[in-house]
């Protein structure tokens, strides 16, 4: 498989990790758009939110709980942050491995 995120999970590519456990990993985005911009991915390859299967529900719940831990560790829990996942071409998904952007560290704007 030629998935860049799978290569990070397997240790084939470096990343600046902020959290890791048996099921998920979070690391700094290489092109941050805010002072805090990390990616949270499941270690299991899932192409996107639309490819999640019923048997993945515990993994996805675990991922969301890990996002809470990362937000606390990076001190963005208060005053807040944004979590985004891009899906497909029109959603600007560029890496086809499910991932969530945790973005914060400043007052965010909503622009399109």
N, C-alpha and C. Protein backbone atom coordinates (compact mmCIF):
# COMPACT_ATOMS: atom_id res chain seq x y z
N UNK A 1 0.85 -1.18 0.00
CA UNK A 1 0.00 0.00 0.00
C UNK A 1 0.90 1.24 0.00
N UNK A 2 0.52 2.23 -0.77
CA UNK A 2 1.33 3.44 -0.90
C UNK A 2 0.68 4.61 -0.16
N UNK A 3 0.18 4.37 1.02
CA UNK A 3 -0.49 5.40 1.82
C UNK A 3 0.52 6.06 2.74
N UNK A 4 0.66 7.38 2.62
CA UNK A 4 1.64 8.11 3.43
C UNK A 4 1.36 7.96 4.92
N UNK A 5 0.08 7.93 5.32
CA UNK A 5 -0.24 7.80 6.73
C UNK A 5 0.03 6.40 7.24
N UNK A 6 -0.18 5.39 6.41
CA UNK A 6 0.18 4.02 6.80
C UNK A 6 1.69 3.91 6.99
N UNK A 7 2.44 4.62 6.16
CA UNK A 7 3.90 4.62 6.31
C UNK A 7 4.33 5.30 7.61
N UNK A 8 3.61 6.32 8.04
CA UNK A 8 3.89 6.96 9.33
C UNK A 8 3.57 5.98 10.45
N UNK A 9 2.43 5.31 10.36
CA UNK A 9 2.04 4.32 11.38
C UNK A 9 3.10 3.22 11.49
N UNK A 10 3.60 2.76 10.34
CA UNK A 10 4.58 1.67 10.32
C UNK A 10 6.01 2.12 10.61
N UNK A 11 6.22 3.42 10.83
CA UNK A 11 7.55 3.92 11.13
C UNK A 11 8.45 4.08 9.92
N UNK A 12 7.87 4.00 8.72
CA UNK A 12 8.65 4.15 7.49
C UNK A 12 8.91 5.62 7.16
N UNK A 13 8.08 6.51 7.67
CA UNK A 13 8.25 7.96 7.47
C UNK A 13 8.23 8.64 8.83
N UNK A 14 9.03 9.68 9.00
CA UNK A 14 9.05 10.38 10.29
C UNK A 14 7.83 11.27 10.46
N UNK A 15 7.51 11.53 11.71
CA UNK A 15 6.47 12.50 12.05
C UNK A 15 6.77 13.01 13.44
N UNK A 16 6.21 14.16 13.75
CA UNK A 16 6.37 14.74 15.09
C UNK A 16 5.11 14.38 15.88
N UNK A 17 5.16 13.22 16.53
CA UNK A 17 3.99 12.69 17.23
C UNK A 17 3.72 13.44 18.52
N UNK A 18 2.42 13.61 18.79
CA UNK A 18 2.00 14.20 20.06
C UNK A 18 1.21 13.21 20.90
N UNK A 19 0.76 12.11 20.27
CA UNK A 19 0.00 11.08 21.00
C UNK A 19 0.05 9.80 20.19
N UNK A 20 0.14 8.68 20.90
CA UNK A 20 0.05 7.39 20.23
C UNK A 20 -0.38 6.35 21.24
N UNK A 21 -1.25 5.44 20.79
CA UNK A 21 -1.60 4.26 21.56
C UNK A 21 -1.74 3.10 20.59
N UNK A 22 -2.33 2.02 21.00
CA UNK A 22 -2.42 0.83 20.14
C UNK A 22 -3.29 1.02 18.91
N UNK A 23 -4.18 2.03 18.92
CA UNK A 23 -5.18 2.16 17.86
C UNK A 23 -5.10 3.43 17.02
N UNK A 24 -4.52 4.49 17.59
CA UNK A 24 -4.49 5.79 16.90
C UNK A 24 -3.15 6.47 17.11
N UNK A 25 -2.89 7.44 16.26
CA UNK A 25 -1.70 8.27 16.41
C UNK A 25 -2.05 9.70 16.01
N UNK A 26 -1.47 10.67 16.72
CA UNK A 26 -1.66 12.09 16.40
C UNK A 26 -0.28 12.70 16.20
N UNK A 27 -0.16 13.53 15.17
CA UNK A 27 1.13 14.15 14.85
C UNK A 27 0.88 15.53 14.24
N UNK A 28 1.91 16.37 14.32
CA UNK A 28 1.81 17.72 13.79
C UNK A 28 1.67 17.70 12.27
N UNK A 29 0.79 18.55 11.76
CA UNK A 29 0.61 18.73 10.32
C UNK A 29 1.86 19.41 9.75
N UNK A 30 2.31 18.98 8.59
CA UNK A 30 3.52 19.59 8.00
C UNK A 30 3.24 20.96 7.39
N UNK A 31 1.96 21.31 7.18
CA UNK A 31 1.58 22.63 6.68
C UNK A 31 0.52 23.23 7.60
N UNK A 32 0.89 23.61 8.81
CA UNK A 32 -0.11 24.08 9.77
C UNK A 32 -0.78 25.38 9.34
N UNK A 33 -2.08 25.48 9.67
CA UNK A 33 -2.83 26.70 9.38
C UNK A 33 -3.16 27.49 10.64
N UNK A 34 -2.68 27.00 11.78
CA UNK A 34 -2.89 27.66 13.07
C UNK A 34 -1.74 27.25 13.99
N UNK A 35 -1.59 27.95 15.13
CA UNK A 35 -0.52 27.58 16.05
C UNK A 35 -0.56 26.11 16.47
N UNK A 36 -1.75 25.55 16.63
CA UNK A 36 -1.92 24.13 16.91
C UNK A 36 -2.64 23.52 15.72
N UNK A 37 -1.99 22.57 15.06
CA UNK A 37 -2.61 21.86 13.93
C UNK A 37 -2.01 20.46 13.89
N UNK A 38 -2.76 19.52 14.43
CA UNK A 38 -2.33 18.13 14.43
C UNK A 38 -3.33 17.27 13.68
N UNK A 39 -2.84 16.14 13.21
CA UNK A 39 -3.69 15.16 12.54
C UNK A 39 -3.83 13.95 13.45
N UNK A 40 -5.05 13.45 13.58
CA UNK A 40 -5.32 12.24 14.35
C UNK A 40 -5.80 11.20 13.36
N UNK A 41 -5.14 10.04 13.35
CA UNK A 41 -5.51 8.98 12.41
C UNK A 41 -5.66 7.65 13.14
N UNK A 42 -6.55 6.80 12.63
CA UNK A 42 -6.56 5.43 13.13
C UNK A 42 -5.38 4.69 12.51
N UNK A 43 -4.81 3.76 13.24
CA UNK A 43 -3.73 2.96 12.68
C UNK A 43 -4.26 2.01 11.60
N UNK A 44 -5.51 1.63 11.72
CA UNK A 44 -6.16 0.82 10.69
C UNK A 44 -6.42 1.71 9.48
N UNK A 45 -6.09 1.22 8.29
CA UNK A 45 -6.36 2.01 7.08
C UNK A 45 -7.86 1.98 6.78
N UNK A 46 -8.45 3.16 6.84
CA UNK A 46 -9.84 3.39 6.44
C UNK A 46 -9.77 4.57 5.50
N UNK A 47 -10.32 4.45 4.31
CA UNK A 47 -10.13 5.47 3.28
C UNK A 47 -10.69 6.83 3.67
N UNK A 48 -11.87 6.88 4.26
CA UNK A 48 -12.48 8.15 4.66
C UNK A 48 -13.63 7.86 5.61
N UNK A 49 -14.26 8.92 6.08
CA UNK A 49 -15.43 8.76 6.93
C UNK A 49 -16.49 7.89 6.24
N UNK A 50 -16.60 8.00 4.94
CA UNK A 50 -17.61 7.24 4.20
C UNK A 50 -17.26 5.76 4.08
N UNK A 51 -16.06 5.37 4.47
CA UNK A 51 -15.65 3.96 4.40
C UNK A 51 -15.69 3.28 5.77
N UNK A 52 -16.11 4.01 6.80
CA UNK A 52 -16.21 3.41 8.13
C UNK A 52 -17.28 2.32 8.10
N UNK A 53 -16.96 1.18 8.66
CA UNK A 53 -17.87 0.03 8.71
C UNK A 53 -18.42 -0.12 10.13
N UNK A 54 -19.55 -0.83 10.29
CA UNK A 54 -20.10 -1.02 11.64
C UNK A 54 -19.08 -1.59 12.64
N UNK A 55 -18.19 -2.46 12.17
CA UNK A 55 -17.20 -3.03 13.09
C UNK A 55 -16.14 -2.02 13.53
N UNK A 56 -16.13 -0.83 12.93
CA UNK A 56 -15.17 0.22 13.30
C UNK A 56 -15.70 1.15 14.38
N UNK A 57 -16.92 0.93 14.87
CA UNK A 57 -17.52 1.91 15.79
C UNK A 57 -16.72 2.08 17.08
N UNK A 58 -16.15 1.02 17.63
CA UNK A 58 -15.34 1.17 18.84
C UNK A 58 -14.05 1.95 18.54
N UNK A 59 -13.44 1.68 17.39
CA UNK A 59 -12.24 2.40 16.99
C UNK A 59 -12.52 3.89 16.84
N UNK A 60 -13.61 4.23 16.21
CA UNK A 60 -13.95 5.64 15.99
C UNK A 60 -14.28 6.33 17.30
N UNK A 61 -14.97 5.65 18.19
CA UNK A 61 -15.22 6.21 19.53
C UNK A 61 -13.92 6.43 20.27
N UNK A 62 -13.02 5.46 20.18
CA UNK A 62 -11.70 5.58 20.82
C UNK A 62 -10.94 6.77 20.25
N UNK A 63 -10.99 6.95 18.93
CA UNK A 63 -10.32 8.06 18.28
C UNK A 63 -10.83 9.39 18.83
N UNK A 64 -12.13 9.51 19.01
CA UNK A 64 -12.69 10.76 19.53
C UNK A 64 -12.27 11.02 20.97
N UNK A 65 -12.19 9.97 21.78
CA UNK A 65 -11.71 10.14 23.15
C UNK A 65 -10.24 10.53 23.15
N UNK A 66 -9.46 9.99 22.22
CA UNK A 66 -8.05 10.37 22.10
C UNK A 66 -7.92 11.83 21.66
N UNK A 67 -8.83 12.30 20.81
CA UNK A 67 -8.83 13.72 20.42
C UNK A 67 -8.99 14.61 21.65
N UNK A 68 -9.83 14.20 22.58
CA UNK A 68 -9.99 14.97 23.82
C UNK A 68 -8.66 15.06 24.57
N UNK A 69 -7.96 13.93 24.68
CA UNK A 69 -6.67 13.90 25.38
C UNK A 69 -5.66 14.82 24.70
N UNK A 70 -5.64 14.80 23.39
CA UNK A 70 -4.70 15.63 22.64
C UNK A 70 -5.03 17.11 22.84
N UNK A 71 -6.32 17.46 22.78
CA UNK A 71 -6.72 18.85 22.99
C UNK A 71 -6.30 19.33 24.38
N UNK A 72 -6.44 18.48 25.38
CA UNK A 72 -6.01 18.84 26.73
C UNK A 72 -4.49 18.99 26.80
N UNK A 73 -3.77 18.03 26.21
CA UNK A 73 -2.31 18.06 26.26
C UNK A 73 -1.74 19.28 25.54
N UNK A 74 -2.40 19.71 24.46
CA UNK A 74 -1.92 20.86 23.69
C UNK A 74 -2.53 22.18 24.18
N UNK A 75 -3.27 22.10 25.28
CA UNK A 75 -3.85 23.26 25.96
C UNK A 75 -4.77 24.09 25.07
N UNK A 76 -5.60 23.41 24.27
CA UNK A 76 -6.60 24.11 23.46
C UNK A 76 -8.03 23.75 23.88
N UNK A 77 -8.16 22.89 24.89
CA UNK A 77 -9.49 22.50 25.36
C UNK A 77 -10.33 23.75 25.66
N UNK A 78 -9.74 24.67 26.41
CA UNK A 78 -10.35 25.97 26.67
C UNK A 78 -9.36 27.00 26.16
N UNK A 79 -9.72 27.88 25.29
CA UNK A 79 -11.04 28.35 24.93
C UNK A 79 -11.72 27.62 23.77
N UNK A 80 -11.09 26.62 23.18
CA UNK A 80 -11.76 25.85 22.14
C UNK A 80 -10.87 25.59 20.94
N UNK A 81 -11.38 24.75 20.06
CA UNK A 81 -10.64 24.32 18.88
C UNK A 81 -11.63 23.77 17.86
N UNK A 82 -11.11 23.40 16.72
CA UNK A 82 -11.94 22.86 15.64
C UNK A 82 -11.41 21.48 15.26
N UNK A 83 -12.34 20.56 14.94
CA UNK A 83 -11.98 19.24 14.42
C UNK A 83 -12.66 19.10 13.07
N UNK A 84 -11.85 18.77 12.05
CA UNK A 84 -12.35 18.69 10.67
C UNK A 84 -11.87 17.40 10.03
N UNK A 85 -12.73 16.79 9.24
CA UNK A 85 -12.28 15.71 8.36
C UNK A 85 -12.76 16.03 6.95
N UNK A 86 -11.89 15.87 5.99
CA UNK A 86 -12.21 16.13 4.59
C UNK A 86 -12.56 14.80 3.93
N UNK A 87 -13.57 14.84 3.07
CA UNK A 87 -14.05 13.61 2.44
C UNK A 87 -14.17 13.82 0.94
N UNK A 88 -13.39 13.06 0.19
CA UNK A 88 -13.49 13.07 -1.27
C UNK A 88 -12.91 14.31 -1.92
N UNK A 89 -12.98 14.31 -3.24
CA UNK A 89 -12.40 15.38 -4.05
C UNK A 89 -12.98 16.75 -3.72
N UNK A 90 -14.29 16.87 -3.67
CA UNK A 90 -14.90 18.17 -3.39
C UNK A 90 -14.68 18.61 -1.95
N UNK A 91 -14.42 17.67 -1.06
CA UNK A 91 -14.12 18.00 0.33
C UNK A 91 -12.65 18.28 0.56
N UNK A 92 -11.85 18.28 -0.51
CA UNK A 92 -10.42 18.57 -0.46
C UNK A 92 -9.60 17.50 0.28
N UNK A 93 -10.10 16.25 0.24
CA UNK A 93 -9.30 15.17 0.83
C UNK A 93 -8.12 14.89 -0.09
N UNK A 94 -6.92 14.99 0.45
CA UNK A 94 -5.71 14.77 -0.36
C UNK A 94 -4.98 13.49 0.02
N UNK A 95 -5.18 13.01 1.25
CA UNK A 95 -4.64 11.73 1.67
C UNK A 95 -5.83 10.83 1.98
N UNK A 96 -5.93 9.73 1.27
CA UNK A 96 -7.10 8.87 1.39
C UNK A 96 -6.91 7.81 2.47
N UNK A 97 -6.74 8.33 3.68
CA UNK A 97 -6.69 7.58 4.93
C UNK A 97 -7.43 8.47 5.91
N UNK A 98 -8.46 7.96 6.55
CA UNK A 98 -9.26 8.76 7.47
C UNK A 98 -8.35 9.54 8.42
N UNK A 99 -8.58 10.84 8.49
CA UNK A 99 -7.82 11.67 9.42
C UNK A 99 -8.65 12.88 9.82
N UNK A 100 -8.40 13.31 11.05
CA UNK A 100 -9.07 14.47 11.61
C UNK A 100 -8.01 15.54 11.87
N UNK A 101 -8.32 16.75 11.47
CA UNK A 101 -7.47 17.90 11.77
C UNK A 101 -7.97 18.51 13.08
N UNK A 102 -7.10 18.62 14.07
CA UNK A 102 -7.40 19.34 15.30
C UNK A 102 -6.66 20.67 15.17
N UNK A 103 -7.44 21.76 15.13
CA UNK A 103 -6.88 23.08 14.83
C UNK A 103 -7.28 24.04 15.95
N UNK A 104 -6.31 24.78 16.45
CA UNK A 104 -6.61 25.76 17.51
C UNK A 104 -5.41 26.61 17.83
N UNK A 105 -5.46 27.18 19.02
CA UNK A 105 -4.36 28.03 19.48
C UNK A 105 -4.54 29.49 19.15
N UNK A 106 -5.64 29.84 18.52
CA UNK A 106 -5.98 31.24 18.23
C UNK A 106 -7.46 31.30 17.91
N UNK A 107 -8.00 32.51 17.81
CA UNK A 107 -9.39 32.66 17.40
C UNK A 107 -9.49 32.30 15.93
N UNK A 108 -10.26 31.27 15.63
CA UNK A 108 -10.41 30.81 14.26
C UNK A 108 -11.51 31.57 13.54
N UNK A 109 -11.36 31.69 12.24
CA UNK A 109 -12.37 32.34 11.41
C UNK A 109 -13.03 31.29 10.54
N UNK A 110 -14.15 31.63 9.99
CA UNK A 110 -14.84 30.74 9.06
C UNK A 110 -14.83 31.42 7.69
N UNK A 111 -14.01 30.92 6.79
CA UNK A 111 -13.94 31.50 5.46
C UNK A 111 -14.09 30.38 4.44
N UNK A 112 -14.65 30.72 3.34
CA UNK A 112 -14.82 29.76 2.25
C UNK A 112 -14.23 30.33 0.99
